[in-house]
Amino acid sequence: MQKKIIPDTDTVEKHEAEEDDFIVSLSKQRVSQINMIDYIIVKKGDTFGSLADEFDLMYWELFKYNELPRDATLAEGQILFLQPKRNKAELGNEFHLVKEGESIYDISQQYGIKLTRLYKMNMMKEGTQPKEGQKLWLRKLKN
């Protein structure tokens, strides 16, 4: 019995698998950091279950760390934290100017800040969205 390892790339040569061949994917998620918190970018085909298994997490932790409802679905390209978010952004990220189409959730994920803290720092009612051009404070309370 032969084993063939084929790397997961866009330029993989076609190979007709024989009866006793195994194809093993070496594809692993690339873990990066925002605000000293590990995160990944969701890839096509990822599920909460597969990611929880891959990163040795409990299923519910992914929902909690990313402040997502239990019926949430993953979208390709989405930031997904593998650890709890922080109460404020890293040094040097004092504020964020809201761009068209950005939600407060997008901004909380971009900087690794808990959504509830972002609302409190900016004296916003939970559930409201910032307006384009609005300055959102990321490290201290709005003056």
Protein backbone atom coordinates (compact mmCIF):
# COMPACT_ATOMS: atom_id res chain seq x y z
CA MET A 1 0.00 0.00 0.00
CA GLN A 2 1.37 3.43 -0.99
CA LYS A 3 0.71 6.78 0.63
CA LYS A 4 0.86 9.93 -1.44
CA ILE A 5 0.91 13.32 0.19
CA ILE A 6 -0.40 16.11 -1.96
CA PRO A 7 0.00 19.66 -0.58
CA ASP A 8 -3.09 21.86 -0.50
CA THR A 9 -2.18 24.53 -3.08
CA ASP A 10 -3.72 26.05 -6.16
CA THR A 11 -1.10 24.43 -8.40
CA VAL A 12 -1.53 20.78 -7.48
CA GLU A 13 -0.98 18.43 -10.39
CA LYS A 14 -3.87 16.13 -11.19
CA HIS A 15 -3.33 12.61 -9.92
CA GLU A 16 -5.57 9.67 -10.50
CA ALA A 17 -5.78 7.85 -7.17
CA GLU A 18 -5.20 4.15 -7.38
CA GLU A 19 -7.17 1.72 -5.28
CA ASP A 20 -4.66 1.61 -2.42
CA ASP A 21 -3.61 5.28 -2.50
CA PHE A 22 -4.30 7.71 0.33
CA ILE A 23 -4.47 11.44 -0.22
CA VAL A 24 -3.52 13.45 2.85
CA SER A 25 -4.11 17.19 2.98
CA LEU A 26 -1.48 19.20 4.84
CA SER A 27 -3.75 22.23 4.96
CA LYS A 28 -3.85 23.90 8.38
CA GLN A 29 -5.28 27.24 9.32
CA ARG A 30 -2.78 30.07 9.63
CA VAL A 31 -3.08 31.55 13.12
CA SER A 32 -2.39 35.28 13.40
CA GLN A 33 -2.83 37.81 16.19
CA ILE A 34 -4.80 40.99 16.72
CA ASN A 35 -4.46 42.74 20.08
CA MET A 36 -2.40 39.74 21.30
CA ILE A 37 -5.34 37.39 20.62
CA ASP A 38 -5.06 34.38 18.31
CA TYR A 39 -7.42 34.39 15.33
CA ILE A 40 -7.87 32.76 11.94
CA ILE A 41 -9.51 33.79 8.70
CA VAL A 42 -12.37 31.43 7.87
CA LYS A 43 -11.84 29.35 4.74
CA LYS A 44 -14.43 27.80 2.45
CA GLY A 45 -15.80 24.62 4.03
CA ASP A 46 -14.88 25.54 7.61
CA THR A 47 -17.49 24.81 10.25
CA PHE A 48 -17.63 25.64 13.95
CA GLY A 49 -17.26 21.93 14.68
CA SER A 50 -14.25 21.37 12.42
CA LEU A 51 -12.47 24.45 13.78
CA ALA A 52 -13.23 23.54 17.40
CA ASP A 53 -11.70 20.11 16.76
CA GLU A 54 -8.67 21.52 14.92
CA PHE A 55 -7.85 24.02 17.67
CA ASP A 56 -8.85 21.81 20.61
CA LEU A 57 -11.62 24.16 21.72
CA MET A 58 -15.11 23.53 22.98
CA TYR A 59 -17.72 24.26 20.32
CA TRP A 60 -19.37 26.98 22.45
CA GLU A 61 -16.07 28.84 22.97
CA LEU A 62 -15.96 29.98 19.33
CA PHE A 63 -19.43 31.52 19.68
CA LYS A 64 -18.57 33.18 23.00
CA TYR A 65 -15.16 34.54 21.96
CA ASN A 66 -16.67 36.03 18.80
CA GLU A 67 -19.92 37.22 20.41
CA LEU A 68 -22.03 35.25 17.95
CA PRO A 69 -25.50 33.77 18.39
CA ARG A 70 -25.78 29.95 18.41
CA ASP A 71 -27.47 30.01 14.99
CA ALA A 72 -24.62 31.97 13.36
CA THR A 73 -22.97 30.68 10.21
CA LEU A 74 -19.40 31.20 9.08
CA ALA A 75 -18.51 33.29 6.03
CA GLU A 76 -15.35 32.84 4.00
CA GLY A 77 -12.88 35.62 4.91
CA GLN A 78 -14.42 36.21 8.35
CA ILE A 79 -12.14 36.89 11.35
CA LEU A 80 -12.68 34.20 13.99
CA PHE A 81 -11.03 34.55 17.40
CA LEU A 82 -9.67 31.49 19.19
CA GLN A 83 -9.32 33.31 22.53
CA PRO A 84 -11.44 35.89 24.38
CA LYS A 85 -11.29 39.46 23.07
CA ARG A 86 -9.86 42.30 25.18
CA ASN A 87 -11.53 45.30 26.82
CA LYS A 88 -9.56 47.80 24.75
CA ALA A 89 -7.38 48.00 21.64
CA GLU A 90 -3.59 47.74 21.53
CA LEU A 91 -1.51 50.83 22.25
CA GLY A 92 -1.41 53.08 19.22
CA ASN A 93 -5.02 52.35 18.25
CA GLU A 94 -6.76 55.15 20.12
CA PHE A 95 -9.75 55.58 17.80
CA HIS A 96 -11.29 54.40 14.55
CA LEU A 97 -13.02 56.53 11.93
CA VAL A 98 -16.03 54.59 10.68
CA LYS A 99 -16.07 53.86 6.96
CA GLU A 100 -19.13 53.30 4.80
CA GLY A 101 -20.68 49.89 5.39
CA GLU A 102 -18.77 49.10 8.61
CA SER A 103 -20.76 47.76 11.52
CA ILE A 104 -19.74 48.08 15.15
CA TYR A 105 -19.31 44.29 15.16
CA ASP A 106 -16.87 44.53 12.22
CA ILE A 107 -14.86 47.12 14.15
CA SER A 108 -14.85 45.04 17.34
CA GLN A 109 -13.47 42.10 15.34
CA GLN A 110 -10.94 44.28 13.50
CA TYR A 111 -9.37 45.42 16.79
CA GLY A 112 -10.12 42.42 19.02
CA ILE A 113 -12.31 44.41 21.43
CA LYS A 114 -15.38 43.09 23.24
CA LEU A 115 -18.48 44.52 21.63
CA THR A 116 -20.06 45.52 24.96
CA ARG A 117 -16.93 47.50 25.91
CA LEU A 118 -16.89 49.26 22.54
CA TYR A 119 -20.48 50.38 23.10
CA LYS A 120 -19.68 51.58 26.65
CA MET A 121 -16.48 53.44 25.67
CA ASN A 122 -18.45 55.35 23.04
CA MET A 123 -21.59 55.92 25.13
CA MET A 124 -23.70 54.11 22.55
CA LYS A 125 -26.82 52.10 23.22
CA GLU A 126 -26.24 48.39 22.53
CA GLY A 127 -27.65 47.41 19.16
CA THR A 128 -27.09 50.81 17.53
CA GLN A 129 -24.68 51.26 14.64
CA PRO A 130 -22.12 54.03 14.16
CA LYS A 131 -22.46 56.48 11.31
CA GLU A 132 -19.96 56.90 8.50
CA GLY A 133 -17.23 59.33 9.61
CA GLN A 134 -17.98 58.84 13.31
CA LYS A 135 -14.95 58.59 15.62
CA LEU A 136 -15.09 55.47 17.80
CA TRP A 137 -12.80 55.36 20.82
CA LEU A 138 -10.94 52.08 21.20
CA ARG A 139 -8.94 52.52 24.42
CA LYS A 140 -10.71 55.03 26.66
CA LEU A 141 -14.13 56.52 27.31
CA LYS A 142 -15.43 59.09 24.87
CA ASN A 143 -15.01 62.64 26.22
